[in-house]
Amino acid sequence: MPRPRTDSSAAPSGARPAASRSTKSAPDTAAPTNAATLDRLRSRIGALSTTTLKRLENDLPWYRSLRPDERAALGLVAQKGIASFVTWYERPASPAWVMNDVFGTAPTELTRSISLQRALQLIRVVVEAVEDQVPDLAGGNDEAALREAVLRYSREVAFAAADVYARAAETRGAWDTRLEALVVDAILRGESSDALRSRIAAVGWKSTGRITVMVGSSPGEPSPTFVAEVRRAGSRFADDTLVGIQGDRLILVLGGISDQGPAFLRLSELFGPGPVVYGPESVSLVDASLSAQAAFAGLTAARAWPAAPRPVAANDLWPERVMSGDEAARRDLYKHIYVPLLNAGNGLVETLSSYLALGHSLEATARELFVHANTVRYRLRRVSDVTGWDPLLPREAFVLQTALVVGRLVGSRATQDRPPTRQ
């Protein structure tokens, strides 16, 4: 004869919390235990486990395609779940133990190969297999109570499974964030090794070109989700994005940007106050340290150009970087501006030098060089074609003038270092 139920109406209102929120180990009176049903459950654990494993093979195609070790781990979880149900049915208690009792034997790697959706499908099959046996396991008067107990227990197992996967996701997220920070740090330091390449592969980077580094200040008090928001914004414009925060600086490593103008403008809004600088493109993530070094050098020198746009290219800050002692900027000015002007000939260097020295006056330059003003105009257009910098624009004329100074210094140094000619 079933044990009589406790009349819950006699208890004060709010005296007993809901079963799923209970923190005590006292029996839950909403799931009465019948001694005969409990004995039958204990004697049928093996048969229920066998039936359940067969149902998993038949009902879940993905289960059959698993590796033997994965199938064995899931089968062990299913068997453990049935055995734990018997224990729970005897003494319904807080669901806190369910996670350790049911999922404690499952390897951590299982959450990587089995999605939460599939885990819930497995729980559903197990519950259906046990529920089908309810008429044979319970007496006539206890069938409804046992079926209710199965459903309540399946709910607790489902919540426990969700908790397991949530914790695994948090652990993976923390590790991925740390690994991402290590990759960003290695790029900034110019590290090039097999370890860096393996880390790059581990963070899922796929871009093979068009790598750019953006740097600027980080917000004063970033929210806990700030990095995720930056990464999500970066994914709208770039194929790959790495985010790093080092002190008060925010670093973005972007790969595969197709339209840089709108992308850099939008991403610059995520930075804190002050200049935002992006470096030149690199051909690979391993070589992105050059872009990062240029961007950081530009960030240091940007204060010398108060009217600089935001964001600004590191190469647009060549003059300021040279004055702050950046050797890379000095080499770039010599290589990309002065040398091409020398090689182009046709008096481009002389014309540009006179034009800049005479206050950007075409007529004065023409008189100085004994040529027509149209010839000066033509040569200045050639300067723009050869270098990409227009001497008619004040800012770009400043870049060209700095390149002339750098080129003369390099040429003078080369002459001084040349050994004397033997007579």
Protein backbone atom coordinates (compact mmCIF):
# COMPACT_ATOMS: atom_id res chain seq x y z
CA MET A 1 0.00 0.00 0.00
CA PRO A 2 1.48 3.41 -0.93
CA ARG A 3 2.72 5.63 1.83
CA PRO A 4 0.14 8.40 2.54
CA ARG A 5 1.03 11.84 1.25
CA THR A 6 1.76 14.68 3.62
CA ASP A 7 -0.92 17.37 3.54
CA SER A 8 0.94 20.44 2.38
CA SER A 9 -2.02 22.63 3.29
CA ALA A 10 -1.18 22.22 6.96
CA ALA A 11 2.21 23.86 6.53
CA PRO A 12 2.53 27.64 6.75
CA SER A 13 2.59 29.48 3.46
CA GLY A 14 6.13 29.73 2.02
CA ALA A 15 7.54 27.29 4.64
CA ARG A 16 8.87 24.83 2.03
CA PRO A 17 10.80 26.12 -1.05
CA ALA A 18 10.41 24.64 -4.51
CA ALA A 19 12.15 21.30 -5.11
CA SER A 20 14.56 22.67 -7.68
CA ARG A 21 15.73 25.35 -5.24
CA SER A 22 16.02 23.25 -2.10
CA THR A 23 19.37 23.32 -0.36
CA LYS A 24 18.50 20.71 2.28
CA SER A 25 18.98 16.99 2.11
CA ALA A 26 15.57 16.17 3.59
CA PRO A 27 13.21 14.01 1.44
CA ASP A 28 10.96 15.89 -0.97
CA THR A 29 7.40 14.97 -0.02
CA ALA A 30 6.24 15.67 -3.58
CA ALA A 31 7.88 12.40 -4.68
CA PRO A 32 6.74 9.62 -2.28
CA THR A 33 8.76 6.43 -2.29
CA ASN A 34 7.07 3.05 -2.52
CA ALA A 35 9.20 0.25 -1.00
CA ALA A 36 8.08 -2.37 -3.54
CA THR A 37 8.70 -0.02 -6.47
CA LEU A 38 12.11 0.84 -5.05
CA ASP A 39 13.04 -2.86 -4.81
CA ARG A 40 11.99 -3.42 -8.42
CA LEU A 41 14.02 -0.40 -9.54
CA ARG A 42 17.13 -1.74 -7.79
CA SER A 43 16.74 -5.15 -9.36
CA ARG A 44 16.20 -3.77 -12.86
CA ILE A 45 19.13 -1.31 -13.03
CA GLY A 46 21.15 -3.63 -15.28
CA ALA A 47 18.23 -4.34 -17.61
CA LEU A 48 17.36 -0.64 -17.81
CA SER A 49 20.95 0.22 -18.69
CA THR A 50 21.05 -2.41 -21.44
CA THR A 51 17.75 -1.20 -22.88
CA THR A 52 18.90 2.39 -22.77
CA LEU A 53 22.16 1.68 -24.61
CA LYS A 54 20.22 -0.12 -27.35
CA ARG A 55 17.87 2.85 -27.65
CA LEU A 56 20.84 5.18 -28.00
CA GLU A 57 22.22 3.04 -30.85
CA ASN A 58 18.88 2.94 -32.63
CA ASP A 59 17.56 6.47 -32.08
CA LEU A 60 20.70 8.64 -32.36
CA PRO A 61 22.65 8.31 -35.63
CA TRP A 62 25.41 10.58 -34.35
CA TYR A 63 25.92 8.26 -31.36
CA ARG A 64 26.79 5.38 -33.69
CA SER A 65 29.36 7.54 -35.51
CA LEU A 66 31.31 8.38 -32.34
CA ARG A 67 34.69 6.92 -31.54
CA PRO A 68 34.58 3.88 -29.24
CA ASP A 69 36.00 5.82 -26.30
CA GLU A 70 33.42 8.60 -26.73
CA ARG A 71 30.60 6.07 -27.04
CA ALA A 72 31.82 4.31 -23.91
CA ALA A 73 31.99 7.60 -21.98
CA LEU A 74 28.43 8.54 -22.98
CA GLY A 75 27.19 5.05 -22.19
CA LEU A 76 28.76 5.33 -18.75
CA VAL A 77 26.99 8.65 -18.21
CA ALA A 78 23.66 7.05 -19.18
CA GLN A 79 24.19 4.07 -16.83
CA LYS A 80 25.28 6.34 -14.03
CA GLY A 81 22.19 8.46 -14.57
CA ILE A 82 19.90 5.44 -14.18
CA ALA A 83 21.68 4.24 -11.03
CA SER A 84 21.56 7.77 -9.58
CA PHE A 85 17.85 7.95 -10.29
CA VAL A 86 17.26 4.97 -8.06
CA THR A 87 19.20 6.67 -5.27
CA TRP A 88 17.35 9.92 -5.86
CA TYR A 89 13.98 8.18 -5.90
CA GLU A 90 14.69 6.63 -2.52
CA ARG A 91 15.66 10.00 -1.00
CA PRO A 92 14.81 13.01 -3.19
CA ALA A 93 17.22 15.76 -2.23
CA SER A 94 18.91 18.86 -3.52
CA PRO A 95 19.86 18.55 -7.20
CA ALA A 96 23.33 19.91 -6.42
CA TRP A 97 24.79 16.40 -6.24
CA VAL A 98 23.40 15.37 -9.63
CA MET A 99 26.18 17.07 -11.58
CA ASN A 100 28.98 15.26 -9.76
CA ASP A 101 27.13 11.96 -9.46
CA VAL A 102 26.03 11.70 -13.10
CA PHE A 103 28.66 13.70 -15.00
CA GLY A 104 31.62 13.25 -12.68
CA THR A 105 32.85 10.21 -14.62
CA ALA A 106 32.66 11.92 -18.01
CA PRO A 107 36.00 13.23 -19.33
CA THR A 108 36.32 16.99 -19.81
CA GLU A 109 37.07 16.48 -23.51
CA LEU A 110 33.54 15.11 -23.94
CA THR A 111 32.10 18.63 -23.85
CA ARG A 112 34.31 19.50 -26.83
CA SER A 113 33.18 16.60 -29.02
CA ILE A 114 29.54 16.42 -27.86
CA SER A 115 27.43 19.55 -28.12
CA LEU A 116 24.90 20.54 -25.48
CA GLN A 117 22.12 19.82 -27.96
CA ARG A 118 23.32 16.25 -28.36
CA ALA A 119 23.72 15.85 -24.62
CA LEU A 120 20.09 16.85 -24.16
CA GLN A 121 19.06 14.40 -26.90
CA LEU A 122 20.85 11.67 -24.98
CA ILE A 123 19.02 12.62 -21.77
CA ARG A 124 15.71 12.53 -23.60
CA VAL A 125 16.36 9.00 -24.91
CA VAL A 126 17.37 7.81 -21.45
CA VAL A 127 14.23 9.31 -19.91
CA GLU A 128 12.03 7.75 -22.59
CA ALA A 129 13.66 4.35 -22.06
CA VAL A 130 13.01 4.49 -18.30
CA GLU A 131 9.53 5.95 -18.72
CA ASP A 132 8.53 3.08 -21.02
CA GLN A 133 9.34 0.69 -18.18
CA VAL A 134 7.26 2.56 -15.58
CA PRO A 135 4.18 0.25 -15.85
CA ASP A 136 6.37 -2.82 -15.11
CA LEU A 137 8.30 -1.12 -12.31
CA ALA A 138 5.43 0.43 -10.36
CA GLY A 139 2.26 -0.95 -8.91
CA GLY A 140 -1.03 0.32 -10.20
CA ASN A 141 -1.41 3.00 -7.54
CA ASP A 142 2.23 4.11 -7.76
CA GLU A 143 2.61 4.44 -11.53
CA ALA A 144 1.68 8.13 -11.68
CA ALA A 145 4.03 9.01 -8.81
CA LEU A 146 6.94 7.10 -10.42
CA ARG A 147 6.32 8.72 -13.80
CA GLU A 148 6.31 12.14 -12.13
CA ALA A 149 9.56 11.26 -10.34
CA VAL A 150 11.19 10.29 -13.66
CA LEU A 151 10.18 13.59 -15.23
CA ARG A 152 11.35 15.65 -12.25
CA TYR A 153 14.66 13.82 -12.15
CA SER A 154 15.16 14.33 -15.90
CA ARG A 155 14.66 18.04 -15.37
CA GLU A 156 17.39 18.12 -12.73
CA VAL A 157 19.75 16.13 -14.97
CA ALA A 158 19.07 18.53 -17.86
CA PHE A 159 19.86 21.52 -15.67
CA ALA A 160 23.00 19.77 -14.45
CA ALA A 161 24.08 19.09 -18.04
CA ALA A 162 23.56 22.75 -18.93
CA ASP A 163 25.65 23.71 -15.92
CA VAL A 164 28.46 21.35 -16.97
CA TYR A 165 28.56 22.84 -20.46
CA ALA A 166 28.35 26.40 -19.12
CA ARG A 167 31.33 25.79 -16.85
CA ALA A 168 33.26 24.16 -19.68
CA ALA A 169 32.50 27.16 -21.90
CA GLU A 170 33.69 29.56 -19.20
CA THR A 171 36.91 27.59 -18.77
CA ARG A 172 37.49 27.50 -22.53
CA GLY A 173 36.71 31.19 -22.79
CA ALA A 174 39.22 32.07 -20.07
CA TRP A 175 41.89 29.90 -21.70
CA ASP A 176 41.17 31.32 -25.16
CA THR A 177 41.43 34.85 -23.79
CA ARG A 178 44.78 34.07 -22.17
CA LEU A 179 46.03 32.41 -25.36
CA GLU A 180 44.90 35.41 -27.40
CA ALA A 181 46.78 37.73 -25.03
CA LEU A 182 49.93 35.61 -25.44
CA VAL A 183 49.67 35.81 -29.24
CA VAL A 184 49.20 39.60 -29.16
CA ASP A 185 52.16 39.98 -26.79
CA ALA A 186 54.34 37.78 -29.02
CA ILE A 187 53.42 39.89 -32.05
CA LEU A 188 54.33 43.10 -30.25
CA ARG A 189 57.68 41.66 -29.20
CA GLY A 190 58.43 40.47 -32.73
CA GLU A 191 58.60 36.82 -31.74
CA SER A 192 58.82 34.42 -34.66
CA SER A 193 58.91 30.80 -33.67
CA ASP A 194 57.13 27.51 -34.03
CA ALA A 195 55.46 28.18 -30.67
CA LEU A 196 53.91 31.38 -32.03
CA ARG A 197 52.68 29.58 -35.13
CA SER A 198 51.03 26.87 -33.02
CA ARG A 199 49.37 29.51 -30.85
CA ILE A 200 48.13 31.32 -33.94
CA ALA A 201 46.57 28.08 -35.14
CA ALA A 202 45.08 27.46 -31.69
CA VAL A 203 43.23 30.79 -31.63
CA GLY A 204 41.66 29.92 -35.00
CA TRP A 205 43.38 32.60 -37.09
CA LYS A 206 42.86 31.93 -40.81
CA SER A 207 43.83 35.14 -42.65
CA THR A 208 46.96 34.85 -44.77
CA GLY A 209 47.37 38.50 -45.74
CA ARG A 210 46.34 42.13 -45.19
CA ILE A 211 47.26 42.11 -41.49
CA THR A 212 47.03 45.48 -39.73
CA VAL A 213 47.57 46.50 -36.11
CA MET A 214 45.59 49.35 -34.52
CA VAL A 215 46.63 50.89 -31.19
CA GLY A 216 45.22 53.56 -28.93
CA SER A 217 44.09 54.13 -25.39
CA SER A 218 41.61 51.78 -23.76
CA PRO A 219 38.42 53.12 -22.13
CA GLY A 220 38.85 54.29 -18.56
CA GLU A 221 36.54 51.67 -17.06
CA PRO A 222 35.79 48.98 -19.65
CA SER A 223 32.81 46.77 -18.95
CA PRO A 224 33.27 43.01 -18.38
CA THR A 225 31.94 42.42 -21.91
CA PHE A 226 34.12 45.09 -23.53
CA VAL A 227 36.56 42.67 -25.17
CA ALA A 228 33.71 40.58 -26.55
CA GLU A 229 32.07 43.72 -27.94
CA VAL A 230 35.32 44.81 -29.61
CA ARG A 231 35.83 41.36 -31.09
CA ARG A 232 32.25 41.31 -32.37
CA ALA A 233 32.66 44.75 -33.96
CA GLY A 234 35.95 43.65 -35.55
CA SER A 235 34.28 40.62 -37.10
CA ARG A 236 32.01 42.93 -39.11
CA PHE A 237 34.95 44.39 -41.00
CA ALA A 238 37.76 41.81 -40.77
CA ASP A 239 38.02 38.09 -41.35
CA ASP A 240 39.99 37.66 -38.10
CA THR A 241 40.39 39.81 -35.01
CA LEU A 242 42.67 39.61 -31.98
CA VAL A 243 42.13 41.93 -29.02
CA GLY A 244 44.70 42.81 -26.38
CA ILE A 245 44.61 45.24 -23.47
CA GLN A 246 47.97 46.15 -21.98
CA GLY A 247 47.62 48.65 -19.20
CA ASP A 248 45.92 51.73 -20.62
CA ARG A 249 46.42 50.68 -24.24
CA LEU A 250 44.08 48.75 -26.52
CA ILE A 251 45.58 46.71 -29.37
CA LEU A 252 43.61 45.28 -32.30
CA VAL A 253 45.19 42.85 -34.75
CA LEU A 254 42.99 42.69 -37.84
CA GLY A 255 43.25 40.30 -40.76
CA GLY A 256 41.59 40.40 -44.15
CA ILE A 257 40.06 43.90 -44.08
CA SER A 258 38.57 44.66 -47.49
CA ASP A 259 37.55 48.31 -47.02
CA GLN A 260 39.98 49.91 -44.61
CA GLY A 261 38.55 53.46 -44.50
CA PRO A 262 35.12 52.73 -42.98
CA ALA A 263 36.54 49.84 -40.93
CA PHE A 264 39.23 51.89 -39.21
CA LEU A 265 36.86 54.81 -38.66
CA ARG A 266 34.24 52.60 -37.01
CA LEU A 267 36.72 50.65 -34.90
CA SER A 268 38.42 53.83 -33.69
CA GLU A 269 35.19 54.69 -31.86
CA LEU A 270 35.82 51.76 -29.51
CA PHE A 271 39.08 53.24 -28.24
CA GLY A 272 39.46 55.66 -25.37
CA PRO A 273 40.31 59.36 -25.77
CA GLY A 274 43.43 60.38 -27.65
CA PRO A 275 45.01 59.39 -30.96
CA VAL A 276 44.38 56.04 -32.65
CA VAL A 277 47.08 54.82 -35.04
CA TYR A 278 47.11 51.89 -37.46
CA GLY A 279 50.28 50.41 -38.91
CA PRO A 280 51.04 49.38 -42.49
CA GLU A 281 49.81 46.06 -43.83
CA SER A 282 51.79 42.89 -43.19
CA VAL A 283 51.74 39.74 -45.28
CA SER A 284 51.28 37.37 -42.32
CA LEU A 285 50.54 37.36 -38.62
CA VAL A 286 54.12 36.36 -37.84
CA ASP A 287 55.35 39.50 -39.65
CA ALA A 288 52.73 41.75 -38.03
CA SER A 289 55.28 42.96 -35.47
CA LEU A 290 56.47 45.53 -38.04
CA SER A 291 52.96 46.93 -38.28
CA ALA A 292 52.68 46.94 -34.49
CA GLN A 293 56.02 48.71 -34.02
CA ALA A 294 55.08 51.38 -36.54
CA ALA A 295 51.68 51.87 -34.90
CA PHE A 296 53.19 52.26 -31.43
CA ALA A 297 55.87 54.63 -32.73
CA GLY A 298 53.12 56.68 -34.36
CA LEU A 299 51.11 56.69 -31.14
CA THR A 300 54.10 58.12 -29.30
CA ALA A 301 54.73 60.80 -31.95
CA ALA A 302 51.10 61.70 -32.62
CA ARG A 303 51.06 64.38 -29.94
CA ALA A 304 53.37 66.45 -32.20
CA TRP A 305 50.56 66.70 -34.77
CA PRO A 306 47.51 68.00 -32.86
CA ALA A 307 45.42 68.20 -36.05
CA ALA A 308 46.02 64.54 -36.97
CA PRO A 309 42.87 62.70 -38.03
CA ARG A 310 41.50 59.90 -35.87
CA PRO A 311 42.43 57.28 -36.80
CA VAL A 312 45.70 58.15 -38.51
CA ALA A 313 48.09 55.93 -40.46
CA ALA A 314 51.50 55.38 -38.92
CA ASN A 315 53.09 56.29 -42.26
CA ASP A 316 51.33 59.67 -42.21
CA LEU A 317 53.36 60.38 -39.06
CA TRP A 318 56.75 59.77 -40.67
CA PRO A 319 58.11 63.28 -39.89
CA GLU A 320 57.04 63.18 -36.24
CA ARG A 321 58.37 59.64 -35.85
CA VAL A 322 61.75 60.65 -37.29
CA MET A 323 61.98 63.54 -34.86
CA SER A 324 61.15 61.23 -31.96
CA GLY A 325 64.02 58.96 -32.98
CA ASP A 326 62.22 56.19 -34.87
CA GLU A 327 64.80 54.51 -37.08
CA ALA A 328 62.15 52.62 -39.07
CA ALA A 329 60.51 55.89 -40.14
CA ARG A 330 63.88 57.29 -41.23
CA ARG A 331 64.51 54.21 -43.39
CA ASP A 332 61.03 54.39 -44.88
CA LEU A 333 61.36 58.06 -45.84
CA TYR A 334 64.69 57.37 -47.52
CA LYS A 335 63.51 54.22 -49.26
CA HIS A 336 60.02 55.25 -50.35
CA ILE A 337 60.49 58.97 -51.11
CA TYR A 338 64.09 60.14 -51.48
CA VAL A 339 65.48 57.22 -53.47
CA PRO A 340 62.56 57.14 -55.96
CA LEU A 341 62.99 60.90 -56.52
CA LEU A 342 66.70 60.44 -57.19
CA ASN A 343 66.07 57.57 -59.56
CA ALA A 344 63.37 59.50 -61.43
CA GLY A 345 65.91 62.23 -62.33
CA ASN A 346 64.74 65.13 -64.51
CA GLY A 347 65.59 67.60 -61.75
CA LEU A 348 62.80 66.47 -59.42
CA VAL A 349 64.90 66.70 -56.26
CA GLU A 350 66.25 70.15 -57.18
CA THR A 351 62.81 71.45 -58.17
CA LEU A 352 61.16 70.14 -55.01
CA SER A 353 63.95 71.51 -52.82
CA SER A 354 63.73 74.99 -54.38
CA TYR A 355 59.93 75.02 -54.25
CA LEU A 356 59.92 74.21 -50.53
CA ALA A 357 62.77 76.60 -49.72
CA LEU A 358 61.14 79.52 -51.58
CA GLY A 359 57.84 79.43 -49.72
CA HIS A 360 55.92 77.23 -52.17
CA SER A 361 56.10 79.87 -54.89
CA LEU A 362 55.95 78.57 -58.45
CA GLU A 363 57.24 81.81 -59.98
CA ALA A 364 60.16 82.12 -57.55
CA THR A 365 61.09 78.49 -58.17
CA ALA A 366 60.97 79.02 -61.94
CA ARG A 367 63.28 82.04 -61.68
CA GLU A 368 65.64 80.14 -59.38
CA LEU A 369 65.93 77.23 -61.82
CA PHE A 370 65.74 79.35 -65.03
CA VAL A 371 62.75 77.39 -66.31
CA HIS A 372 59.13 78.20 -67.13
CA ALA A 373 56.50 78.05 -64.37
CA ASN A 374 54.67 75.32 -66.28
CA THR A 375 57.83 73.23 -66.13
CA VAL A 376 57.81 73.61 -62.34
CA ARG A 377 54.17 72.56 -62.26
CA TYR A 378 54.92 69.51 -64.39
CA ARG A 379 57.85 68.48 -62.20
CA LEU A 380 55.81 68.86 -59.01
CA ARG A 381 53.11 66.65 -60.53
CA ARG A 382 55.85 64.11 -61.29
CA VAL A 383 56.95 64.30 -57.64
CA SER A 384 53.40 63.44 -56.63
CA ASP A 385 53.24 60.57 -59.14
CA VAL A 386 56.59 59.12 -58.07
CA THR A 387 56.17 59.39 -54.28
CA GLY A 388 52.42 59.48 -53.71
CA TRP A 389 52.78 62.75 -51.77
CA ASP A 390 51.56 66.04 -53.24
CA PRO A 391 53.91 69.01 -52.62
CA LEU A 392 51.04 71.44 -53.24
CA LEU A 393 49.37 70.31 -49.98
CA PRO A 394 51.01 71.79 -46.87
CA ARG A 395 51.00 68.61 -44.76
CA GLU A 396 52.31 66.41 -47.57
CA ALA A 397 54.91 69.05 -48.47
CA PHE A 398 56.13 68.76 -44.87
CA VAL A 399 56.53 64.98 -45.32
CA LEU A 400 58.47 65.53 -48.55
CA GLN A 401 60.69 68.15 -46.93
CA THR A 402 61.51 65.76 -44.08
CA ALA A 403 62.36 63.07 -46.65
CA LEU A 404 64.79 65.48 -48.36
CA VAL A 405 66.50 66.21 -45.04
CA VAL A 406 66.74 62.50 -44.22
CA GLY A 407 68.05 61.68 -47.69
CA ARG A 408 70.76 64.33 -47.53
CA LEU A 409 71.86 63.12 -44.10
CA VAL A 410 72.02 59.52 -45.30
CA GLY A 411 73.94 60.57 -48.41
CA SER A 412 76.35 62.66 -46.35
CA ARG A 413 76.92 59.79 -43.94
CA ALA A 414 77.57 57.39 -46.82
CA THR A 415 80.15 59.81 -48.25
CA GLN A 416 81.91 60.15 -44.92
CA ASP A 417 81.98 56.39 -44.41
CA ARG A 418 83.41 55.76 -47.90
CA PRO A 419 87.12 54.91 -47.81
CA PRO A 420 89.44 57.48 -49.47
CA THR A 421 90.43 56.91 -53.07
CA ARG A 422 94.05 55.85 -53.46
CA GLN A 423 96.10 58.10 -55.77
